Amino acid sequence: MTHHDPWLNVPLNEGGPNPMSPPDPGPTFRGIVITAPERVVFRAGEVVDDTGAFAAIPVCAYHCFDVPAVPIDDHFKMHAVEVKSGKSYEGFIVALDPGIMVPCPFEDAEPLKPEDVEGLASGGWINPNLANFVPIPREPATYEVFMSLRGFQSNRVRIELIQE
């Protein structure tokens, strides 16, 4: 990424669309689609955020899934496969700072019936920093990156990490 690179303006680890996000594929889409920069430059020994990430590696995702009748406590998984060696790294996207956990206001509600959610879908955009969630080495490499959740896998993108 260069200084005028629009990838530098992606709000990392936040939700919502941004100019680098994949477009909404439409109302019948179910799954995950991602975009990412082709190249990311990092500096040896540098830390880019207060969580200790060595690089800002944005992966912008749009997702949409059918609403389940039963609550699901699951997390997106990010995958990075180093192209040269084939070594695979992965990690779940979890809250980096969960802060004060507020109980769900619907915990005591009657469970939903399948007919209550039939035909409903939920989705949105997320912008995780790969370096926050996947323990990739702090060294130059090229990775094939994708995300997964609930049996769905996103498209795959290649990201080259370049050390300055």
N, C-alpha and C. Protein backbone atom coordinates (compact mmCIF):
# COMPACT_ATOMS: atom_id res chain seq x y z
N MET A 1 0.84 -1.17 0.00
CA MET A 1 0.00 0.00 0.00
C MET A 1 0.90 1.24 0.00
N THR A 2 0.56 2.23 -0.77
CA THR A 2 1.30 3.48 -0.82
C THR A 2 0.60 4.52 0.06
N HIS A 3 1.22 5.67 0.23
CA HIS A 3 0.63 6.71 1.08
C HIS A 3 -0.70 7.22 0.53
N HIS A 4 -0.92 7.13 -0.77
CA HIS A 4 -2.18 7.57 -1.36
C HIS A 4 -3.12 6.39 -1.61
N ASP A 5 -2.79 5.29 -1.03
CA ASP A 5 -3.55 4.07 -1.23
C ASP A 5 -4.86 4.12 -0.44
N PRO A 6 -6.01 3.92 -1.09
CA PRO A 6 -7.29 3.97 -0.36
C PRO A 6 -7.43 2.88 0.70
N TRP A 7 -6.64 1.81 0.61
CA TRP A 7 -6.70 0.76 1.63
C TRP A 7 -6.27 1.29 3.00
N LEU A 8 -5.46 2.36 3.01
CA LEU A 8 -5.00 2.93 4.28
C LEU A 8 -6.14 3.59 5.06
N ASN A 9 -7.25 3.86 4.39
CA ASN A 9 -8.39 4.52 5.03
C ASN A 9 -9.47 3.55 5.50
N VAL A 10 -9.25 2.26 5.35
CA VAL A 10 -10.24 1.28 5.81
C VAL A 10 -10.30 1.30 7.33
N PRO A 11 -11.48 1.45 7.92
CA PRO A 11 -11.61 1.44 9.38
C PRO A 11 -11.46 0.01 9.92
N LEU A 12 -10.26 -0.33 10.35
CA LEU A 12 -9.97 -1.70 10.76
C LEU A 12 -10.77 -2.13 11.99
N ASN A 13 -11.20 -3.37 11.94
CA ASN A 13 -11.92 -4.02 13.03
C ASN A 13 -13.22 -3.31 13.39
N GLU A 14 -13.83 -2.69 12.38
CA GLU A 14 -15.13 -2.05 12.55
C GLU A 14 -16.09 -2.59 11.50
N GLY A 15 -17.36 -2.42 11.76
CA GLY A 15 -18.37 -2.82 10.79
C GLY A 15 -18.72 -1.66 9.87
N GLY A 16 -19.50 -1.97 8.88
CA GLY A 16 -19.97 -0.94 7.96
C GLY A 16 -19.20 -0.93 6.66
N PRO A 17 -19.86 -0.51 5.59
CA PRO A 17 -19.20 -0.46 4.29
C PRO A 17 -18.22 0.71 4.21
N ASN A 18 -17.26 0.59 3.33
CA ASN A 18 -16.30 1.65 3.04
C ASN A 18 -15.98 1.56 1.55
N PRO A 19 -15.27 2.51 0.97
CA PRO A 19 -15.02 2.48 -0.47
C PRO A 19 -14.30 1.22 -0.98
N MET A 20 -13.63 0.48 -0.11
CA MET A 20 -12.92 -0.73 -0.54
C MET A 20 -13.74 -2.01 -0.31
N SER A 21 -14.92 -1.88 0.27
CA SER A 21 -15.77 -3.03 0.56
C SER A 21 -16.28 -3.67 -0.72
N PRO A 22 -16.53 -4.98 -0.68
CA PRO A 22 -17.21 -5.59 -1.81
C PRO A 22 -18.64 -5.07 -1.88
N PRO A 23 -19.20 -4.96 -3.07
CA PRO A 23 -20.60 -4.50 -3.15
C PRO A 23 -21.56 -5.55 -2.62
N ASP A 24 -22.72 -5.11 -2.20
CA ASP A 24 -23.79 -6.00 -1.79
C ASP A 24 -24.20 -6.81 -3.01
N PRO A 25 -24.07 -8.15 -2.97
CA PRO A 25 -24.39 -8.96 -4.13
C PRO A 25 -25.88 -9.11 -4.44
N GLY A 26 -26.74 -8.58 -3.60
CA GLY A 26 -28.17 -8.65 -3.87
C GLY A 26 -28.92 -9.46 -2.84
N PRO A 27 -30.26 -9.39 -2.87
CA PRO A 27 -31.09 -9.97 -1.82
C PRO A 27 -31.10 -11.50 -1.75
N THR A 28 -30.74 -12.18 -2.81
CA THR A 28 -30.77 -13.65 -2.77
C THR A 28 -29.43 -14.25 -2.38
N PHE A 29 -28.39 -13.42 -2.26
CA PHE A 29 -27.05 -13.91 -1.91
C PHE A 29 -27.01 -14.42 -0.48
N ARG A 30 -26.41 -15.57 -0.28
CA ARG A 30 -26.10 -16.11 1.05
C ARG A 30 -24.66 -16.53 1.03
N GLY A 31 -23.88 -16.02 1.96
CA GLY A 31 -22.47 -16.38 2.03
C GLY A 31 -21.60 -15.19 2.41
N ILE A 32 -20.34 -15.26 1.98
CA ILE A 32 -19.34 -14.26 2.33
C ILE A 32 -18.56 -13.91 1.07
N VAL A 33 -18.31 -12.64 0.85
CA VAL A 33 -17.45 -12.21 -0.25
C VAL A 33 -16.47 -11.19 0.34
N ILE A 34 -15.17 -11.28 -0.07
CA ILE A 34 -14.15 -10.42 0.52
C ILE A 34 -13.33 -9.69 -0.55
N THR A 35 -12.74 -8.59 -0.13
CA THR A 35 -11.74 -7.87 -0.92
C THR A 35 -10.58 -7.57 0.02
N ALA A 36 -9.40 -7.35 -0.55
CA ALA A 36 -8.21 -7.03 0.24
C ALA A 36 -7.16 -6.42 -0.69
N PRO A 37 -6.20 -5.69 -0.13
CA PRO A 37 -5.14 -5.14 -0.98
C PRO A 37 -4.25 -6.26 -1.51
N GLU A 38 -3.68 -6.04 -2.68
CA GLU A 38 -2.76 -7.03 -3.25
C GLU A 38 -1.42 -7.04 -2.52
N ARG A 39 -1.01 -5.86 -2.02
CA ARG A 39 0.27 -5.73 -1.32
C ARG A 39 0.08 -4.89 -0.06
N VAL A 40 0.80 -5.30 1.00
CA VAL A 40 0.82 -4.55 2.25
C VAL A 40 2.28 -4.42 2.67
N VAL A 41 2.69 -3.20 2.95
CA VAL A 41 4.05 -2.95 3.41
C VAL A 41 4.04 -2.82 4.93
N PHE A 42 5.03 -3.47 5.59
CA PHE A 42 5.17 -3.33 7.03
C PHE A 42 6.64 -3.10 7.35
N ARG A 43 6.88 -2.55 8.54
CA ARG A 43 8.24 -2.26 8.98
C ARG A 43 8.60 -3.20 10.13
N ALA A 44 9.80 -3.74 10.09
CA ALA A 44 10.27 -4.64 11.14
C ALA A 44 10.19 -3.93 12.49
N GLY A 45 9.61 -4.59 13.48
CA GLY A 45 9.54 -4.07 14.83
C GLY A 45 8.44 -3.06 15.07
N GLU A 46 7.73 -2.66 14.03
CA GLU A 46 6.66 -1.66 14.19
C GLU A 46 5.38 -2.32 14.71
N VAL A 47 4.63 -1.59 15.52
CA VAL A 47 3.32 -2.02 16.00
C VAL A 47 2.33 -0.98 15.49
N VAL A 48 1.24 -1.42 14.87
CA VAL A 48 0.31 -0.48 14.22
C VAL A 48 -0.94 -0.15 15.03
N ASP A 49 -1.15 -0.86 16.13
CA ASP A 49 -2.32 -0.55 16.96
C ASP A 49 -2.06 -0.95 18.40
N ASP A 50 -3.00 -0.68 19.28
CA ASP A 50 -2.78 -0.96 20.70
C ASP A 50 -2.95 -2.43 21.06
N THR A 51 -3.26 -3.29 20.08
CA THR A 51 -3.34 -4.73 20.35
C THR A 51 -2.05 -5.45 20.00
N GLY A 52 -1.09 -4.73 19.40
CA GLY A 52 0.19 -5.32 19.07
C GLY A 52 0.33 -5.84 17.65
N ALA A 53 -0.62 -5.57 16.78
CA ALA A 53 -0.54 -6.05 15.39
C ALA A 53 0.68 -5.44 14.70
N PHE A 54 1.40 -6.25 13.94
CA PHE A 54 2.61 -5.78 13.27
C PHE A 54 2.33 -5.09 11.94
N ALA A 55 1.12 -5.23 11.42
CA ALA A 55 0.77 -4.63 10.13
C ALA A 55 -0.73 -4.40 10.07
N ALA A 56 -1.11 -3.45 9.23
CA ALA A 56 -2.53 -3.21 8.95
C ALA A 56 -2.85 -3.94 7.65
N ILE A 57 -3.56 -5.07 7.76
CA ILE A 57 -3.88 -5.92 6.62
C ILE A 57 -5.40 -6.02 6.54
N PRO A 58 -6.05 -5.04 5.91
CA PRO A 58 -7.52 -5.03 5.88
C PRO A 58 -8.09 -6.13 4.98
N VAL A 59 -9.08 -6.80 5.50
CA VAL A 59 -9.88 -7.75 4.72
C VAL A 59 -11.32 -7.27 4.85
N CYS A 60 -11.85 -6.72 3.79
CA CYS A 60 -13.21 -6.18 3.81
C CYS A 60 -14.18 -7.26 3.36
N ALA A 61 -15.21 -7.48 4.15
CA ALA A 61 -16.13 -8.58 3.86
C ALA A 61 -17.58 -8.11 3.89
N TYR A 62 -18.37 -8.69 2.98
CA TYR A 62 -19.82 -8.59 3.06
C TYR A 62 -20.33 -10.00 3.33
N HIS A 63 -21.31 -10.12 4.22
CA HIS A 63 -21.87 -11.43 4.53
C HIS A 63 -23.37 -11.33 4.65
N CYS A 64 -24.04 -12.42 4.31
CA CYS A 64 -25.49 -12.50 4.48
C CYS A 64 -25.86 -13.97 4.67
N PHE A 65 -26.65 -14.25 5.71
CA PHE A 65 -27.06 -15.62 6.02
C PHE A 65 -28.53 -15.63 6.38
N ASP A 66 -29.17 -16.77 6.19
CA ASP A 66 -30.53 -16.94 6.66
C ASP A 66 -30.52 -16.83 8.18
N VAL A 67 -31.55 -16.24 8.73
CA VAL A 67 -31.66 -16.10 10.18
C VAL A 67 -32.00 -17.47 10.78
N PRO A 68 -31.20 -17.94 11.74
CA PRO A 68 -31.48 -19.25 12.35
C PRO A 68 -32.62 -19.14 13.37
N ALA A 69 -33.35 -20.22 13.55
CA ALA A 69 -34.43 -20.26 14.53
C ALA A 69 -33.87 -20.35 15.95
N VAL A 70 -32.67 -20.88 16.09
CA VAL A 70 -32.04 -20.97 17.40
C VAL A 70 -30.83 -20.06 17.43
N PRO A 71 -30.58 -19.36 18.55
CA PRO A 71 -29.40 -18.50 18.62
C PRO A 71 -28.13 -19.30 18.39
N ILE A 72 -27.23 -18.71 17.65
CA ILE A 72 -25.95 -19.36 17.34
C ILE A 72 -24.85 -18.47 17.88
N ASP A 73 -23.95 -19.05 18.67
CA ASP A 73 -22.81 -18.31 19.18
C ASP A 73 -21.59 -18.77 18.37
N ASP A 74 -21.43 -18.20 17.21
CA ASP A 74 -20.29 -18.58 16.39
C ASP A 74 -19.58 -17.34 15.90
N HIS A 75 -18.37 -17.53 15.41
CA HIS A 75 -17.53 -16.42 14.97
C HIS A 75 -16.98 -16.72 13.58
N PHE A 76 -16.78 -15.67 12.80
CA PHE A 76 -16.10 -15.83 11.53
C PHE A 76 -14.71 -16.37 11.79
N LYS A 77 -14.24 -17.21 10.88
CA LYS A 77 -12.87 -17.70 10.95
C LYS A 77 -12.13 -17.14 9.75
N MET A 78 -10.92 -16.64 9.99
CA MET A 78 -10.07 -16.16 8.91
C MET A 78 -8.99 -17.22 8.67
N HIS A 79 -8.69 -17.43 7.39
CA HIS A 79 -7.69 -18.42 6.99
C HIS A 79 -6.65 -17.73 6.13
N ALA A 80 -5.37 -18.05 6.34
CA ALA A 80 -4.28 -17.53 5.51
C ALA A 80 -3.34 -18.68 5.19
N VAL A 81 -3.17 -18.98 3.92
CA VAL A 81 -2.29 -20.06 3.49
C VAL A 81 -1.09 -19.44 2.79
N GLU A 82 0.11 -19.68 3.34
CA GLU A 82 1.32 -19.15 2.75
C GLU A 82 1.55 -19.87 1.43
N VAL A 83 1.60 -19.12 0.35
CA VAL A 83 1.60 -19.70 -1.00
C VAL A 83 2.81 -20.60 -1.25
N LYS A 84 4.00 -20.15 -0.88
CA LYS A 84 5.22 -20.92 -1.20
C LYS A 84 5.29 -22.25 -0.45
N SER A 85 4.99 -22.23 0.86
CA SER A 85 5.14 -23.45 1.67
C SER A 85 3.85 -24.25 1.80
N GLY A 86 2.70 -23.59 1.60
CA GLY A 86 1.42 -24.25 1.82
C GLY A 86 1.00 -24.29 3.29
N LYS A 87 1.83 -23.69 4.16
CA LYS A 87 1.50 -23.68 5.60
C LYS A 87 0.25 -22.84 5.83
N SER A 88 -0.64 -23.36 6.66
CA SER A 88 -1.94 -22.73 6.90
C SER A 88 -2.00 -22.14 8.30
N TYR A 89 -2.57 -20.94 8.38
CA TYR A 89 -2.78 -20.25 9.65
C TYR A 89 -4.26 -19.86 9.71
N GLU A 90 -4.82 -19.85 10.90
CA GLU A 90 -6.23 -19.46 11.02
C GLU A 90 -6.51 -18.91 12.40
N GLY A 91 -7.61 -18.17 12.49
CA GLY A 91 -8.02 -17.62 13.77
C GLY A 91 -9.44 -17.09 13.67
N PHE A 92 -10.11 -17.04 14.80
CA PHE A 92 -11.49 -16.54 14.86
C PHE A 92 -11.49 -15.03 15.07
N ILE A 93 -12.47 -14.37 14.47
CA ILE A 93 -12.67 -12.95 14.70
C ILE A 93 -13.49 -12.81 15.98
N VAL A 94 -12.86 -12.28 17.00
CA VAL A 94 -13.51 -12.08 18.30
C VAL A 94 -13.30 -10.63 18.72
N ALA A 95 -14.06 -10.18 19.68
CA ALA A 95 -13.91 -8.81 20.17
C ALA A 95 -12.51 -8.64 20.75
N LEU A 96 -11.80 -7.62 20.28
CA LEU A 96 -10.46 -7.36 20.81
C LEU A 96 -10.53 -6.72 22.19
N ASP A 97 -11.59 -5.96 22.44
CA ASP A 97 -11.82 -5.34 23.74
C ASP A 97 -13.31 -5.45 24.03
N PRO A 98 -13.72 -6.56 24.65
CA PRO A 98 -15.15 -6.76 24.85
C PRO A 98 -15.79 -5.74 25.80
N GLY A 99 -14.97 -5.01 26.57
CA GLY A 99 -15.53 -4.00 27.47
C GLY A 99 -16.51 -4.62 28.45
N ILE A 100 -17.52 -3.86 28.80
CA ILE A 100 -18.55 -4.35 29.71
C ILE A 100 -19.55 -5.16 28.91
N MET A 101 -19.70 -6.40 29.28
CA MET A 101 -20.63 -7.28 28.57
C MET A 101 -22.04 -7.06 29.12
N VAL A 102 -22.94 -6.68 28.25
CA VAL A 102 -24.32 -6.44 28.63
C VAL A 102 -25.13 -7.68 28.27
N PRO A 103 -25.94 -8.20 29.18
CA PRO A 103 -26.72 -9.40 28.85
C PRO A 103 -27.69 -9.12 27.70
N CYS A 104 -27.95 -10.14 26.94
CA CYS A 104 -28.89 -10.04 25.83
C CYS A 104 -30.27 -9.71 26.39
N PRO A 105 -30.94 -8.69 25.83
CA PRO A 105 -32.26 -8.32 26.36
C PRO A 105 -33.34 -9.35 26.05
N PHE A 106 -33.03 -10.32 25.19
CA PHE A 106 -34.03 -11.32 24.80
C PHE A 106 -33.78 -12.69 25.43
N GLU A 107 -32.88 -12.76 26.44
CA GLU A 107 -32.53 -14.05 27.03
C GLU A 107 -33.74 -14.81 27.56
N ASP A 108 -34.70 -14.11 28.13
CA ASP A 108 -35.86 -14.76 28.74
C ASP A 108 -37.04 -14.87 27.78
N ALA A 109 -36.84 -14.48 26.53
CA ALA A 109 -37.94 -14.51 25.55
C ALA A 109 -38.24 -15.94 25.12
N GLU A 110 -39.43 -16.14 24.62
CA GLU A 110 -39.81 -17.45 24.08
C GLU A 110 -38.92 -17.77 22.88
N PRO A 111 -38.50 -19.03 22.74
CA PRO A 111 -37.69 -19.38 21.57
C PRO A 111 -38.47 -19.16 20.28
N LEU A 112 -37.74 -18.79 19.25
CA LEU A 112 -38.36 -18.59 17.95
C LEU A 112 -38.72 -19.94 17.33
N LYS A 113 -39.76 -19.94 16.55
CA LYS A 113 -40.14 -21.13 15.78
C LYS A 113 -39.60 -20.94 14.37
N PRO A 114 -39.32 -22.03 13.68
CA PRO A 114 -38.79 -21.90 12.32
C PRO A 114 -39.67 -21.00 11.43
N GLU A 115 -40.98 -21.06 11.62
CA GLU A 115 -41.86 -20.23 10.78
C GLU A 115 -41.71 -18.72 11.11
N ASP A 116 -41.21 -18.41 12.32
CA ASP A 116 -41.00 -17.02 12.69
C ASP A 116 -39.90 -16.35 11.87
N VAL A 117 -38.91 -17.14 11.45
CA VAL A 117 -37.74 -16.58 10.76
C VAL A 117 -37.65 -17.04 9.30
N GLU A 118 -38.61 -17.82 8.86
CA GLU A 118 -38.56 -18.32 7.49
C GLU A 118 -38.48 -17.17 6.49
N GLY A 119 -37.50 -17.24 5.61
CA GLY A 119 -37.32 -16.22 4.58
C GLY A 119 -36.56 -14.98 5.03
N LEU A 120 -36.20 -14.90 6.31
CA LEU A 120 -35.45 -13.75 6.80
C LEU A 120 -33.95 -13.99 6.68
N ALA A 121 -33.22 -12.93 6.36
CA ALA A 121 -31.76 -13.02 6.28
C ALA A 121 -31.17 -11.82 6.99
N SER A 122 -29.94 -11.96 7.42
CA SER A 122 -29.23 -10.88 8.09
C SER A 122 -27.81 -10.83 7.54
N GLY A 123 -27.30 -9.64 7.36
CA GLY A 123 -25.95 -9.50 6.84
C GLY A 123 -25.37 -8.14 7.13
N GLY A 124 -24.21 -7.89 6.58
CA GLY A 124 -23.55 -6.61 6.77
C GLY A 124 -22.11 -6.68 6.34
N TRP A 125 -21.36 -5.65 6.71
CA TRP A 125 -19.96 -5.53 6.34
C TRP A 125 -19.09 -5.56 7.59
N ILE A 126 -17.92 -6.17 7.47
CA ILE A 126 -16.92 -6.14 8.53
C ILE A 126 -15.56 -5.91 7.87
N ASN A 127 -14.63 -5.36 8.65
CA ASN A 127 -13.32 -4.99 8.11
C ASN A 127 -12.19 -5.43 9.06
N PRO A 128 -12.04 -6.73 9.29
CA PRO A 128 -11.01 -7.17 10.24
C PRO A 128 -9.59 -6.95 9.70
N ASN A 129 -8.68 -6.72 10.63
CA ASN A 129 -7.26 -6.67 10.31
C ASN A 129 -6.73 -8.10 10.47
N LEU A 130 -6.30 -8.70 9.39
CA LEU A 130 -5.80 -10.08 9.41
C LEU A 130 -4.77 -10.28 10.51
N ALA A 131 -3.88 -9.30 10.71
CA ALA A 131 -2.81 -9.43 11.70
C ALA A 131 -3.32 -9.46 13.14
N ASN A 132 -4.55 -9.02 13.38
CA ASN A 132 -5.12 -9.09 14.73
C ASN A 132 -5.68 -10.47 15.07
N PHE A 133 -6.05 -11.25 14.06
CA PHE A 133 -6.80 -12.47 14.33
C PHE A 133 -6.13 -13.76 13.87
N VAL A 134 -5.13 -13.65 12.99
CA VAL A 134 -4.45 -14.84 12.47
C VAL A 134 -2.97 -14.72 12.81
N PRO A 135 -2.39 -15.72 13.47
CA PRO A 135 -0.99 -15.63 13.92
C PRO A 135 0.03 -15.89 12.80
N ILE A 136 0.00 -15.04 11.77
CA ILE A 136 0.97 -15.20 10.68
C ILE A 136 2.32 -14.64 11.13
N PRO A 137 3.41 -15.20 10.59
CA PRO A 137 4.75 -14.71 10.97
C PRO A 137 4.97 -13.26 10.52
N ARG A 138 5.80 -12.56 11.26
CA ARG A 138 6.16 -11.17 10.94
C ARG A 138 7.31 -11.19 9.94
N GLU A 139 7.00 -11.64 8.73
CA GLU A 139 8.03 -11.72 7.69
C GLU A 139 7.37 -11.63 6.32
N PRO A 140 8.16 -11.25 5.31
CA PRO A 140 7.60 -11.16 3.96
C PRO A 140 7.08 -12.51 3.48
N ALA A 141 5.93 -12.49 2.83
CA ALA A 141 5.33 -13.73 2.30
C ALA A 141 4.10 -13.33 1.49
N THR A 142 3.61 -14.29 0.73
CA THR A 142 2.34 -14.10 0.02
C THR A 142 1.35 -15.11 0.56
N TYR A 143 0.16 -14.63 0.88
CA TYR A 143 -0.87 -15.48 1.47
C TYR A 143 -2.12 -15.51 0.60
N GLU A 144 -2.73 -16.67 0.54
CA GLU A 144 -4.08 -16.79 0.00
C GLU A 144 -5.00 -16.74 1.20
N VAL A 145 -5.92 -15.78 1.19
CA VAL A 145 -6.75 -15.49 2.37
C VAL A 145 -8.22 -15.72 2.03
N PHE A 146 -8.94 -16.30 2.98
CA PHE A 146 -10.39 -16.43 2.85
C PHE A 146 -11.02 -16.48 4.23
N MET A 147 -12.34 -16.35 4.28
CA MET A 147 -13.08 -16.41 5.53
C MET A 147 -14.13 -17.51 5.45
N SER A 148 -14.55 -18.00 6.62
CA SER A 148 -15.58 -19.03 6.64
C SER A 148 -16.49 -18.82 7.86
N LEU A 149 -17.71 -19.32 7.70
CA LEU A 149 -18.71 -19.31 8.79
C LEU A 149 -19.89 -20.16 8.36
N ARG A 150 -20.41 -20.96 9.27
CA ARG A 150 -21.63 -21.76 9.06
C ARG A 150 -21.60 -22.58 7.76
N GLY A 151 -20.45 -23.14 7.44
CA GLY A 151 -20.34 -23.98 6.25
C GLY A 151 -20.10 -23.21 4.97
N PHE A 152 -20.06 -21.89 5.03
CA PHE A 152 -19.79 -21.07 3.85
C PHE A 152 -18.32 -20.69 3.84
N GLN A 153 -17.73 -20.62 2.64
CA GLN A 153 -16.39 -20.10 2.45
C GLN A 153 -16.45 -18.94 1.47
N SER A 154 -15.70 -17.91 1.75
CA SER A 154 -15.65 -16.75 0.85
C SER A 154 -14.80 -17.07 -0.37
N ASN A 155 -14.76 -16.11 -1.28
CA ASN A 155 -13.78 -16.16 -2.36
C ASN A 155 -12.39 -16.04 -1.73
N ARG A 156 -11.36 -16.27 -2.52
CA ARG A 156 -9.99 -16.20 -2.03
C ARG A 156 -9.28 -15.01 -2.66
N VAL A 157 -8.48 -14.33 -1.86
CA VAL A 157 -7.69 -13.21 -2.34
C VAL A 157 -6.22 -13.46 -1.99
N ARG A 158 -5.32 -12.87 -2.76
CA ARG A 158 -3.88 -12.99 -2.47
C ARG A 158 -3.38 -11.67 -1.94
N ILE A 159 -2.62 -11.77 -0.86
CA ILE A 159 -2.02 -10.59 -0.24
C ILE A 159 -0.53 -10.85 -0.08
N GLU A 160 0.28 -9.96 -0.65
CA GLU A 160 1.73 -10.05 -0.51
C GLU A 160 2.16 -9.09 0.60
N LEU A 161 2.87 -9.62 1.60
CA LEU A 161 3.41 -8.80 2.67
C LEU A 161 4.87 -8.46 2.33
N ILE A 162 5.16 -7.16 2.31
CA ILE A 162 6.48 -6.68 1.93
C ILE A 162 7.07 -5.94 3.12
N GLN A 163 8.28 -6.34 3.50
CA GLN A 163 8.93 -5.69 4.65
C GLN A 163 9.84 -4.57 4.17
N GLU A 164 9.70 -3.39 4.77
CA GLU A 164 10.58 -2.26 4.45
C GLU A 164 11.75 -2.24 5.38
